[in-house]
N, C-alpha and C. Protein backbone atom coordinates (compact mmCIF):
# COMPACT_ATOMS: atom_id res chain seq x y z
N MET A 1 11.08 -22.77 24.00
CA MET A 1 9.84 -22.46 24.79
C MET A 1 9.56 -23.53 25.80
N ARG A 2 9.07 -23.16 26.96
CA ARG A 2 8.77 -24.12 28.02
C ARG A 2 7.28 -24.32 28.05
N TRP A 3 6.90 -25.57 28.24
CA TRP A 3 5.50 -26.02 28.25
C TRP A 3 5.20 -26.67 29.52
N PRO A 4 4.90 -25.92 30.63
CA PRO A 4 4.50 -26.59 31.92
C PRO A 4 3.24 -27.32 31.83
N ARG A 5 2.90 -28.20 32.74
CA ARG A 5 1.67 -28.83 32.74
C ARG A 5 0.46 -27.85 33.13
N PRO A 6 -0.65 -28.04 32.61
CA PRO A 6 -1.72 -27.12 33.02
C PRO A 6 -2.28 -27.38 34.43
N ASN A 7 -2.54 -26.31 35.09
CA ASN A 7 -3.22 -26.48 36.47
C ASN A 7 -4.51 -25.67 36.29
N ARG A 8 -5.57 -26.42 36.26
CA ARG A 8 -6.88 -25.95 35.89
C ARG A 8 -7.57 -25.20 37.06
N GLY A 9 -6.92 -25.18 38.21
CA GLY A 9 -7.47 -24.32 39.36
C GLY A 9 -7.55 -22.86 39.01
N ARG A 10 -8.39 -22.12 39.75
CA ARG A 10 -8.54 -20.73 39.57
C ARG A 10 -7.33 -20.00 40.08
N ARG A 11 -6.59 -19.22 39.25
CA ARG A 11 -5.46 -18.49 39.76
C ARG A 11 -5.47 -17.11 39.16
N PRO A 12 -4.79 -16.16 39.80
CA PRO A 12 -4.85 -14.80 39.35
C PRO A 12 -4.23 -14.79 37.90
N VAL A 13 -4.83 -13.93 37.02
CA VAL A 13 -4.29 -13.70 35.72
C VAL A 13 -3.84 -12.18 35.67
N TRP A 14 -2.58 -11.98 35.34
CA TRP A 14 -2.02 -10.65 35.27
C TRP A 14 -1.95 -10.25 33.80
N PHE A 15 -2.12 -9.01 33.49
CA PHE A 15 -2.04 -8.56 32.10
C PHE A 15 -1.41 -7.13 32.00
N ASP A 16 -1.00 -6.86 30.87
CA ASP A 16 -0.65 -5.48 30.47
C ASP A 16 -0.98 -5.30 28.97
N ASP A 17 -1.11 -4.06 28.61
CA ASP A 17 -1.33 -3.80 27.16
C ASP A 17 -0.30 -2.72 26.73
N PHE A 18 0.03 -2.77 25.41
CA PHE A 18 0.99 -1.93 24.90
C PHE A 18 0.85 -1.74 23.44
N ALA A 19 1.36 -0.63 22.88
CA ALA A 19 1.26 -0.33 21.44
C ALA A 19 2.28 -1.11 20.73
N SER A 20 1.96 -1.63 19.51
CA SER A 20 2.87 -2.40 18.72
C SER A 20 2.64 -1.98 17.23
N PRO A 21 3.46 -2.39 16.29
CA PRO A 21 3.25 -2.01 14.94
C PRO A 21 1.90 -2.51 14.30
N ILE A 22 1.26 -3.50 14.98
CA ILE A 22 0.03 -4.06 14.53
C ILE A 22 -1.11 -3.58 15.42
N GLY A 23 -1.00 -2.57 16.20
CA GLY A 23 -1.95 -2.11 17.10
C GLY A 23 -1.75 -2.48 18.58
N ARG A 24 -2.64 -2.15 19.41
CA ARG A 24 -2.46 -2.54 20.82
C ARG A 24 -2.61 -4.02 21.05
N LEU A 25 -1.69 -4.48 21.89
CA LEU A 25 -1.71 -5.90 22.26
C LEU A 25 -1.89 -6.00 23.80
N VAL A 26 -2.58 -7.05 24.17
CA VAL A 26 -2.69 -7.32 25.59
C VAL A 26 -2.04 -8.73 25.75
N VAL A 27 -1.20 -8.80 26.80
CA VAL A 27 -0.48 -9.95 27.14
C VAL A 27 -0.98 -10.34 28.50
N ALA A 28 -1.40 -11.57 28.72
CA ALA A 28 -2.00 -12.06 29.95
C ALA A 28 -1.29 -13.41 30.36
N ALA A 29 -0.92 -13.44 31.57
CA ALA A 29 -0.26 -14.68 32.07
C ALA A 29 -0.61 -14.89 33.51
N ASP A 30 -0.44 -16.22 33.94
CA ASP A 30 -0.61 -16.52 35.30
C ASP A 30 0.77 -17.02 35.85
N GLU A 31 0.77 -17.60 37.03
CA GLU A 31 2.09 -18.00 37.58
C GLU A 31 2.79 -19.20 36.76
N GLU A 32 1.94 -19.80 35.90
CA GLU A 32 2.46 -20.98 35.12
C GLU A 32 2.97 -20.58 33.80
N GLY A 33 2.43 -19.48 33.25
CA GLY A 33 2.95 -19.03 31.89
C GLY A 33 1.90 -18.06 31.17
N VAL A 34 2.38 -17.76 29.95
CA VAL A 34 1.55 -16.80 29.13
C VAL A 34 0.30 -17.62 28.71
N ARG A 35 -0.87 -17.00 28.92
CA ARG A 35 -2.15 -17.61 28.62
C ARG A 35 -2.68 -16.98 27.36
N HIS A 36 -2.46 -15.68 27.08
CA HIS A 36 -3.21 -14.99 25.95
C HIS A 36 -2.27 -13.86 25.48
N ILE A 37 -2.39 -13.64 24.14
CA ILE A 37 -2.08 -12.38 23.51
C ILE A 37 -3.19 -12.03 22.67
N LEU A 38 -3.74 -10.83 23.02
CA LEU A 38 -4.95 -10.46 22.45
C LEU A 38 -4.79 -9.18 21.60
N PHE A 39 -5.39 -9.11 20.37
CA PHE A 39 -5.32 -7.99 19.53
C PHE A 39 -6.37 -6.98 19.96
N ASP A 40 -6.38 -5.69 19.37
CA ASP A 40 -7.37 -4.74 19.75
C ASP A 40 -8.75 -5.18 19.28
N ARG A 41 -8.77 -6.00 18.21
CA ARG A 41 -10.10 -6.60 17.85
C ARG A 41 -9.77 -8.08 17.59
N ASN A 42 -10.52 -8.91 18.29
CA ASN A 42 -10.25 -10.36 18.28
C ASN A 42 -11.50 -11.07 17.66
N ARG A 43 -11.24 -11.87 16.60
CA ARG A 43 -12.32 -12.61 15.93
C ARG A 43 -13.21 -13.37 16.91
N HIS A 44 -12.63 -13.95 17.87
CA HIS A 44 -13.36 -14.84 18.78
C HIS A 44 -13.70 -14.21 20.03
N GLY A 45 -13.57 -12.92 20.26
CA GLY A 45 -13.90 -12.24 21.39
C GLY A 45 -12.89 -12.37 22.58
N LEU A 46 -13.19 -11.88 23.70
CA LEU A 46 -12.30 -11.93 24.86
C LEU A 46 -12.46 -13.19 25.61
N PRO A 47 -11.44 -13.73 26.26
CA PRO A 47 -11.59 -14.93 27.08
C PRO A 47 -12.58 -14.66 28.22
N SER A 48 -13.22 -15.66 28.64
CA SER A 48 -14.15 -15.55 29.77
C SER A 48 -13.36 -15.18 30.98
N GLY A 49 -14.01 -14.54 31.93
CA GLY A 49 -13.36 -14.21 33.28
C GLY A 49 -12.43 -13.07 33.14
N ARG A 50 -12.38 -12.31 32.08
CA ARG A 50 -11.53 -11.21 31.91
C ARG A 50 -11.58 -10.15 33.03
N SER A 51 -12.83 -9.98 33.55
CA SER A 51 -13.10 -8.99 34.56
C SER A 51 -12.28 -9.29 35.89
N ALA A 52 -11.87 -10.54 35.99
CA ALA A 52 -11.13 -10.93 37.19
C ALA A 52 -9.54 -10.77 37.04
N TRP A 53 -9.17 -10.39 35.83
CA TRP A 53 -7.78 -10.11 35.55
C TRP A 53 -7.31 -8.88 36.21
N LEU A 54 -5.95 -8.92 36.63
CA LEU A 54 -5.37 -7.89 37.29
C LEU A 54 -4.25 -7.21 36.46
N ARG A 55 -4.33 -5.88 36.34
CA ARG A 55 -3.19 -5.17 35.56
C ARG A 55 -1.98 -5.24 36.43
N SER A 56 -0.90 -5.80 35.84
CA SER A 56 0.33 -5.88 36.54
C SER A 56 1.43 -5.99 35.56
N PRO A 57 1.92 -4.84 34.96
CA PRO A 57 2.99 -4.80 34.03
C PRO A 57 4.23 -5.61 34.41
N PRO A 58 4.66 -5.52 35.74
CA PRO A 58 5.86 -6.35 36.14
C PRO A 58 5.73 -7.90 35.94
N ARG A 59 4.53 -8.34 35.98
CA ARG A 59 4.24 -9.79 35.94
C ARG A 59 4.38 -10.30 34.52
N VAL A 60 4.29 -9.42 33.53
CA VAL A 60 4.25 -9.83 32.13
C VAL A 60 5.41 -9.06 31.31
N VAL A 61 6.30 -8.46 32.11
CA VAL A 61 7.41 -7.71 31.44
C VAL A 61 8.24 -8.55 30.51
N HIS A 62 8.58 -9.75 30.83
CA HIS A 62 9.34 -10.60 30.01
C HIS A 62 8.74 -10.89 28.65
N ALA A 63 7.42 -11.23 28.66
CA ALA A 63 6.68 -11.39 27.47
C ALA A 63 6.58 -10.14 26.65
N ARG A 64 6.28 -9.08 27.25
CA ARG A 64 6.33 -7.76 26.59
C ARG A 64 7.61 -7.39 25.87
N LYS A 65 8.65 -7.70 26.67
CA LYS A 65 9.99 -7.27 26.10
C LYS A 65 10.30 -8.17 24.93
N GLN A 66 10.02 -9.46 25.04
CA GLN A 66 10.32 -10.36 23.87
C GLN A 66 9.45 -10.00 22.63
N LEU A 67 8.13 -9.60 22.89
CA LEU A 67 7.34 -9.14 21.74
C LEU A 67 8.01 -7.84 21.12
N GLU A 68 8.33 -6.94 21.89
CA GLU A 68 8.94 -5.66 21.40
C GLU A 68 10.23 -6.04 20.62
N GLU A 69 11.03 -6.95 21.11
CA GLU A 69 12.25 -7.29 20.40
C GLU A 69 11.88 -7.95 19.10
N TYR A 70 10.88 -8.72 19.04
CA TYR A 70 10.40 -9.33 17.72
C TYR A 70 10.03 -8.23 16.74
N PHE A 71 9.24 -7.32 17.21
CA PHE A 71 8.77 -6.26 16.31
C PHE A 71 9.94 -5.39 15.85
N GLU A 72 11.01 -5.27 16.66
CA GLU A 72 12.21 -4.53 16.22
C GLU A 72 13.14 -5.29 15.40
N GLY A 73 12.81 -6.58 15.11
CA GLY A 73 13.64 -7.42 14.26
C GLY A 73 14.83 -7.98 15.03
N GLU A 74 14.91 -7.98 16.34
CA GLU A 74 15.92 -8.45 17.18
C GLU A 74 15.68 -9.85 17.71
N ARG A 75 14.52 -10.42 17.51
CA ARG A 75 14.16 -11.71 18.14
C ARG A 75 13.50 -12.51 17.12
N ARG A 76 13.90 -13.76 16.90
CA ARG A 76 13.28 -14.64 16.02
C ARG A 76 12.67 -15.83 16.74
N ARG A 77 13.01 -16.16 17.91
CA ARG A 77 12.45 -17.22 18.71
C ARG A 77 12.14 -16.61 20.09
N PHE A 78 11.02 -17.14 20.66
CA PHE A 78 10.59 -16.69 21.95
C PHE A 78 10.98 -17.75 22.99
N ASP A 79 11.31 -17.21 24.15
CA ASP A 79 11.76 -18.13 25.27
C ASP A 79 10.80 -17.72 26.45
N LEU A 80 9.61 -18.25 26.49
CA LEU A 80 8.67 -17.92 27.49
C LEU A 80 7.95 -19.16 28.00
N PRO A 81 7.49 -19.27 29.18
CA PRO A 81 6.74 -20.37 29.59
C PRO A 81 5.29 -20.06 29.00
N LEU A 82 4.75 -21.06 28.32
CA LEU A 82 3.43 -20.89 27.63
C LEU A 82 2.40 -21.84 28.33
N MET A 83 1.23 -21.38 28.42
CA MET A 83 0.15 -22.22 28.97
C MET A 83 -1.13 -22.01 28.31
N PRO A 84 -1.17 -22.40 26.93
CA PRO A 84 -2.45 -22.29 26.21
C PRO A 84 -3.40 -23.45 26.69
N ILE A 85 -4.69 -23.12 26.77
CA ILE A 85 -5.67 -24.06 27.21
C ILE A 85 -6.58 -24.37 26.04
N GLY A 86 -6.67 -25.62 25.70
CA GLY A 86 -7.54 -26.12 24.63
C GLY A 86 -7.69 -27.60 24.59
N THR A 87 -8.29 -28.11 23.61
CA THR A 87 -8.37 -29.58 23.50
C THR A 87 -7.05 -30.21 23.23
N PRO A 88 -6.91 -31.48 23.46
CA PRO A 88 -5.61 -32.09 23.13
C PRO A 88 -5.19 -31.81 21.67
N PHE A 89 -6.17 -31.91 20.68
CA PHE A 89 -5.82 -31.64 19.36
C PHE A 89 -5.33 -30.16 19.11
N GLN A 90 -6.07 -29.24 19.72
CA GLN A 90 -5.66 -27.88 19.54
C GLN A 90 -4.23 -27.65 20.14
N VAL A 91 -4.03 -28.10 21.32
CA VAL A 91 -2.68 -28.05 21.97
C VAL A 91 -1.63 -28.64 21.04
N LEU A 92 -1.90 -29.81 20.46
CA LEU A 92 -0.92 -30.36 19.58
C LEU A 92 -0.62 -29.47 18.35
N VAL A 93 -1.68 -28.91 17.81
CA VAL A 93 -1.48 -27.89 16.67
C VAL A 93 -0.64 -26.73 17.16
N TRP A 94 -1.04 -26.21 18.29
CA TRP A 94 -0.31 -24.95 18.79
C TRP A 94 1.19 -25.27 19.09
N HIS A 95 1.45 -26.48 19.66
CA HIS A 95 2.87 -26.86 19.90
C HIS A 95 3.52 -26.88 18.62
N THR A 96 2.96 -27.43 17.57
CA THR A 96 3.69 -27.57 16.30
C THR A 96 3.84 -26.28 15.65
N LEU A 97 2.92 -25.27 15.79
CA LEU A 97 3.19 -23.87 15.25
C LEU A 97 4.53 -23.41 15.66
N ALA A 98 4.95 -23.74 16.89
CA ALA A 98 6.20 -23.22 17.45
C ALA A 98 7.43 -23.73 16.65
N THR A 99 7.19 -24.77 15.82
CA THR A 99 8.35 -25.30 15.05
C THR A 99 8.47 -24.74 13.65
N ILE A 100 7.49 -23.92 13.24
CA ILE A 100 7.60 -23.37 11.92
C ILE A 100 8.73 -22.27 12.01
N PRO A 101 9.73 -22.40 11.28
CA PRO A 101 10.82 -21.41 11.30
C PRO A 101 10.45 -20.02 11.00
N TYR A 102 11.04 -19.03 11.66
CA TYR A 102 10.83 -17.62 11.36
C TYR A 102 11.10 -17.39 9.80
N GLY A 103 10.34 -16.60 9.21
CA GLY A 103 10.52 -16.31 7.84
C GLY A 103 10.01 -17.30 6.85
N GLU A 104 9.34 -18.42 7.41
CA GLU A 104 8.85 -19.42 6.50
C GLU A 104 7.38 -19.55 6.68
N THR A 105 6.66 -20.09 5.71
CA THR A 105 5.23 -20.30 5.80
C THR A 105 4.94 -21.82 5.50
N TRP A 106 3.94 -22.31 6.06
CA TRP A 106 3.45 -23.71 5.86
C TRP A 106 1.96 -23.58 5.46
N SER A 107 1.50 -24.51 4.68
CA SER A 107 0.05 -24.62 4.41
C SER A 107 -0.58 -25.36 5.53
N TYR A 108 -1.97 -25.24 5.58
CA TYR A 108 -2.73 -26.10 6.56
C TYR A 108 -2.37 -27.55 6.34
N GLY A 109 -2.32 -27.98 5.07
CA GLY A 109 -2.03 -29.36 4.77
C GLY A 109 -0.69 -29.81 5.27
N GLN A 110 0.37 -28.94 5.12
CA GLN A 110 1.57 -29.31 5.52
C GLN A 110 1.58 -29.44 7.09
N LEU A 111 0.95 -28.49 7.86
CA LEU A 111 0.84 -28.65 9.23
C LEU A 111 0.12 -29.96 9.60
N ALA A 112 -0.93 -30.27 8.96
CA ALA A 112 -1.61 -31.48 9.24
C ALA A 112 -0.73 -32.70 9.09
N LYS A 113 0.15 -32.73 8.05
CA LYS A 113 1.00 -33.85 7.85
C LYS A 113 2.04 -33.91 9.04
N VAL A 114 2.55 -32.75 9.35
CA VAL A 114 3.59 -32.79 10.40
C VAL A 114 3.06 -33.38 11.75
N ILE A 115 1.72 -33.10 12.01
CA ILE A 115 1.18 -33.61 13.23
C ILE A 115 0.76 -35.07 13.20
N GLY A 116 0.96 -35.66 11.96
CA GLY A 116 0.59 -36.99 11.71
C GLY A 116 -0.90 -37.26 11.39
N GLU A 117 -1.62 -36.16 10.95
CA GLU A 117 -3.04 -36.28 10.63
C GLU A 117 -3.22 -35.63 9.20
N PRO A 118 -2.73 -36.30 8.18
CA PRO A 118 -2.76 -35.64 6.87
C PRO A 118 -4.11 -35.33 6.34
N GLU A 119 -5.13 -35.95 6.78
CA GLU A 119 -6.55 -35.64 6.34
C GLU A 119 -7.26 -34.59 7.10
N SER A 120 -6.53 -33.90 8.14
CA SER A 120 -7.19 -33.11 8.98
C SER A 120 -6.90 -31.63 8.76
N ALA A 121 -6.62 -31.26 7.54
CA ALA A 121 -6.19 -29.83 7.27
C ALA A 121 -7.30 -28.83 7.77
N ARG A 122 -8.52 -29.13 7.55
CA ARG A 122 -9.59 -28.24 7.98
C ARG A 122 -9.61 -28.11 9.50
N ALA A 123 -9.47 -29.26 10.17
CA ALA A 123 -9.47 -29.21 11.66
C ALA A 123 -8.22 -28.45 12.16
N VAL A 124 -7.15 -28.58 11.43
CA VAL A 124 -5.90 -27.80 11.74
C VAL A 124 -6.16 -26.32 11.60
N GLY A 125 -6.93 -25.98 10.56
CA GLY A 125 -7.27 -24.61 10.32
C GLY A 125 -8.13 -24.07 11.43
N ALA A 126 -9.04 -24.79 11.86
CA ALA A 126 -9.97 -24.41 12.98
C ALA A 126 -9.12 -24.23 14.29
N ALA A 127 -8.30 -25.16 14.59
CA ALA A 127 -7.44 -25.08 15.80
C ALA A 127 -6.48 -23.85 15.68
N ASN A 128 -5.92 -23.62 14.52
CA ASN A 128 -5.10 -22.49 14.19
C ASN A 128 -5.79 -21.19 14.51
N GLY A 129 -7.04 -21.15 14.14
CA GLY A 129 -7.84 -19.99 14.38
C GLY A 129 -8.20 -19.67 15.75
N ARG A 130 -8.07 -20.66 16.68
CA ARG A 130 -8.37 -20.55 18.10
C ARG A 130 -7.10 -20.31 18.91
N ASN A 131 -5.94 -20.14 18.30
CA ASN A 131 -4.66 -20.01 18.96
C ASN A 131 -4.70 -18.87 19.94
N PRO A 132 -4.64 -19.13 21.24
CA PRO A 132 -4.73 -18.00 22.21
C PRO A 132 -3.43 -17.18 22.37
N ILE A 133 -2.29 -17.68 21.79
CA ILE A 133 -1.03 -16.92 21.91
C ILE A 133 -0.46 -16.64 20.59
N PRO A 134 -1.15 -15.95 19.73
CA PRO A 134 -0.57 -15.62 18.43
C PRO A 134 0.70 -14.81 18.45
N ILE A 135 1.45 -14.83 17.46
CA ILE A 135 2.83 -14.25 17.23
C ILE A 135 3.79 -15.16 17.93
N VAL A 136 3.73 -15.42 19.29
CA VAL A 136 4.67 -16.38 19.92
C VAL A 136 4.40 -17.71 19.40
N LEU A 137 3.19 -18.16 19.28
CA LEU A 137 2.86 -19.47 18.59
C LEU A 137 2.41 -18.93 17.18
N PRO A 138 3.30 -18.96 16.18
CA PRO A 138 3.11 -18.19 14.98
C PRO A 138 2.12 -18.72 13.93
N CYS A 139 0.84 -18.63 14.36
CA CYS A 139 -0.24 -19.03 13.39
C CYS A 139 -0.26 -18.15 12.07
N HIS A 140 0.34 -16.97 12.25
CA HIS A 140 0.40 -16.12 11.01
C HIS A 140 1.27 -16.78 9.97
N ARG A 141 1.97 -17.72 10.23
CA ARG A 141 2.89 -18.36 9.31
C ARG A 141 2.18 -19.52 8.53
N VAL A 142 0.95 -19.71 8.75
CA VAL A 142 0.14 -20.68 8.11
C VAL A 142 -0.74 -20.02 7.01
N ILE A 143 -0.55 -20.44 5.82
CA ILE A 143 -1.30 -19.79 4.73
C ILE A 143 -2.04 -20.91 3.88
N GLY A 144 -2.80 -20.38 2.92
CA GLY A 144 -3.54 -21.37 2.05
C GLY A 144 -2.58 -22.20 1.16
N ALA A 145 -3.09 -23.34 0.65
CA ALA A 145 -2.22 -24.20 -0.21
C ALA A 145 -1.75 -23.43 -1.40
N ASP A 146 -2.58 -22.52 -1.96
CA ASP A 146 -2.24 -21.74 -3.10
C ASP A 146 -1.34 -20.54 -2.82
N GLY A 147 -0.93 -20.40 -1.61
CA GLY A 147 -0.04 -19.20 -1.21
C GLY A 147 -0.80 -18.02 -0.85
N SER A 148 -2.20 -18.12 -0.72
CA SER A 148 -2.99 -16.88 -0.36
C SER A 148 -2.99 -16.86 1.16
N LEU A 149 -3.20 -15.62 1.58
CA LEU A 149 -3.34 -15.33 2.99
C LEU A 149 -4.80 -15.63 3.33
N THR A 150 -4.93 -16.37 4.50
CA THR A 150 -6.25 -16.78 4.93
C THR A 150 -6.48 -16.29 6.37
N GLY A 151 -7.62 -16.61 6.98
CA GLY A 151 -8.00 -16.07 8.25
C GLY A 151 -6.88 -15.90 9.26
N PHE A 152 -7.09 -14.89 10.11
CA PHE A 152 -6.21 -14.58 11.12
C PHE A 152 -7.01 -13.78 12.20
N GLY A 153 -6.92 -14.19 13.47
CA GLY A 153 -7.75 -13.61 14.54
C GLY A 153 -7.65 -12.12 14.60
N GLY A 154 -6.54 -11.53 14.32
CA GLY A 154 -6.38 -10.01 14.43
C GLY A 154 -6.66 -9.37 13.11
N GLY A 155 -7.05 -10.17 11.98
CA GLY A 155 -7.33 -9.55 10.72
C GLY A 155 -6.12 -9.81 9.77
N LEU A 156 -6.45 -9.88 8.44
CA LEU A 156 -5.50 -10.24 7.43
C LEU A 156 -4.44 -9.10 7.32
N ASP A 157 -4.76 -7.87 7.60
CA ASP A 157 -3.76 -6.80 7.51
C ASP A 157 -2.70 -7.00 8.55
N LYS A 158 -3.03 -7.49 9.76
CA LYS A 158 -1.96 -7.75 10.72
C LYS A 158 -1.12 -8.98 10.29
N LYS A 159 -1.86 -10.03 9.80
CA LYS A 159 -1.07 -11.25 9.33
C LYS A 159 -0.03 -10.76 8.22
N ALA A 160 -0.55 -10.00 7.25
CA ALA A 160 0.37 -9.46 6.24
C ALA A 160 1.57 -8.61 6.78
N THR A 161 1.29 -7.81 7.74
CA THR A 161 2.40 -7.07 8.43
C THR A 161 3.35 -7.94 9.14
N LEU A 162 2.95 -9.02 9.79
CA LEU A 162 3.78 -9.90 10.44
C LEU A 162 4.64 -10.70 9.44
N LEU A 163 4.05 -11.12 8.35
CA LEU A 163 4.79 -11.87 7.33
C LEU A 163 5.88 -10.93 6.65
N ARG A 164 5.46 -9.75 6.40
CA ARG A 164 6.42 -8.70 5.78
C ARG A 164 7.54 -8.53 6.75
N LEU A 165 7.26 -8.39 8.07
CA LEU A 165 8.36 -8.14 9.12
C LEU A 165 9.34 -9.27 9.03
N GLU A 166 8.88 -10.46 8.87
CA GLU A 166 9.68 -11.71 8.84
C GLU A 166 10.35 -11.95 7.47
N GLY A 167 9.93 -11.15 6.46
CA GLY A 167 10.40 -11.49 5.10
C GLY A 167 9.97 -12.74 4.55
N ALA A 168 8.83 -13.29 5.14
CA ALA A 168 8.35 -14.61 4.71
C ALA A 168 7.84 -14.70 3.35
N LEU A 169 7.24 -13.54 2.83
CA LEU A 169 6.70 -13.49 1.51
C LEU A 169 6.46 -12.05 1.10
N LEU A 170 6.42 -11.83 -0.11
CA LEU A 170 6.03 -10.52 -0.68
C LEU A 170 4.52 -10.57 -0.84
N VAL A 171 3.84 -10.04 0.14
CA VAL A 171 2.42 -10.22 0.26
C VAL A 171 1.79 -9.70 -1.01
N GLU A 172 2.21 -8.64 -1.51
CA GLU A 172 1.61 -8.04 -2.73
C GLU A 172 1.53 -8.96 -3.96
N GLU A 173 2.56 -9.91 -3.92
CA GLU A 173 2.60 -10.81 -5.12
C GLU A 173 1.70 -12.08 -4.92
N LYS A 174 1.13 -12.26 -3.74
CA LYS A 174 0.39 -13.44 -3.54
C LYS A 174 -1.02 -13.28 -4.11
N LYS A 175 -1.64 -14.46 -4.49
CA LYS A 175 -2.90 -14.50 -5.16
C LYS A 175 -4.02 -14.24 -4.21
N PRO A 176 -5.10 -13.78 -4.63
CA PRO A 176 -6.31 -13.73 -3.75
C PRO A 176 -6.81 -15.04 -3.35
N VAL A 177 -7.61 -15.07 -2.28
CA VAL A 177 -8.15 -16.33 -1.85
C VAL A 177 -9.01 -17.05 -2.86
N THR A 178 -8.60 -18.13 -3.38
CA THR A 178 -9.39 -19.00 -4.40
C THR A 178 -9.13 -20.40 -4.13
N GLY A 179 -9.98 -21.23 -4.58
CA GLY A 179 -9.71 -22.71 -4.60
C GLY A 179 -9.61 -23.30 -3.14
N ASP A 180 -8.97 -24.44 -3.05
CA ASP A 180 -8.80 -25.18 -1.73
C ASP A 180 -7.70 -24.54 -1.00
N LEU A 181 -8.02 -24.05 0.15
CA LEU A 181 -7.07 -23.48 1.03
C LEU A 181 -6.29 -24.42 1.86
N PHE A 182 -6.83 -25.63 2.03
CA PHE A 182 -6.25 -26.52 2.97
C PHE A 182 -5.37 -27.69 2.52
N GLY A 183 -5.17 -27.66 1.20
CA GLY A 183 -4.45 -28.79 0.61
C GLY A 183 -2.94 -28.76 0.89
């Protein structure tokens, strides 16, 4: 994955939407990289300024193609320029998500240790929940310390589908949400 430097100036944002095995997805990018992947229902709502976005399938065709390859089981790593915007801590968490191997899961506590902030599992969880580029930055691979599925912007059903697709776990065998999720 390529991580260009953010340019905070106002630039056109192009998008396209398409059907996927987890429902309709919207991919949005500007000239620097992918900014958003949105589910049909997003826990945190739509990004501000969406009315200024321009539908342009050719501008996001590479991202769409790589997502389709992922859903077909033909792609395990994405090679896209990414431009998520967030706080320095959020961006650190999101960069680290990209290192979680396909088919594996980490707990929030494990992720906190990897970024060098072992006491920040809850903050890691909050940053994970604000990930603007899910799937490509695989926040679905982060689960509770007890192995339970926990929050996901597109819903737990979509998280379970993505983990099944990757063979990361047998979701039916996992425990319900109980105890400390962040350890």
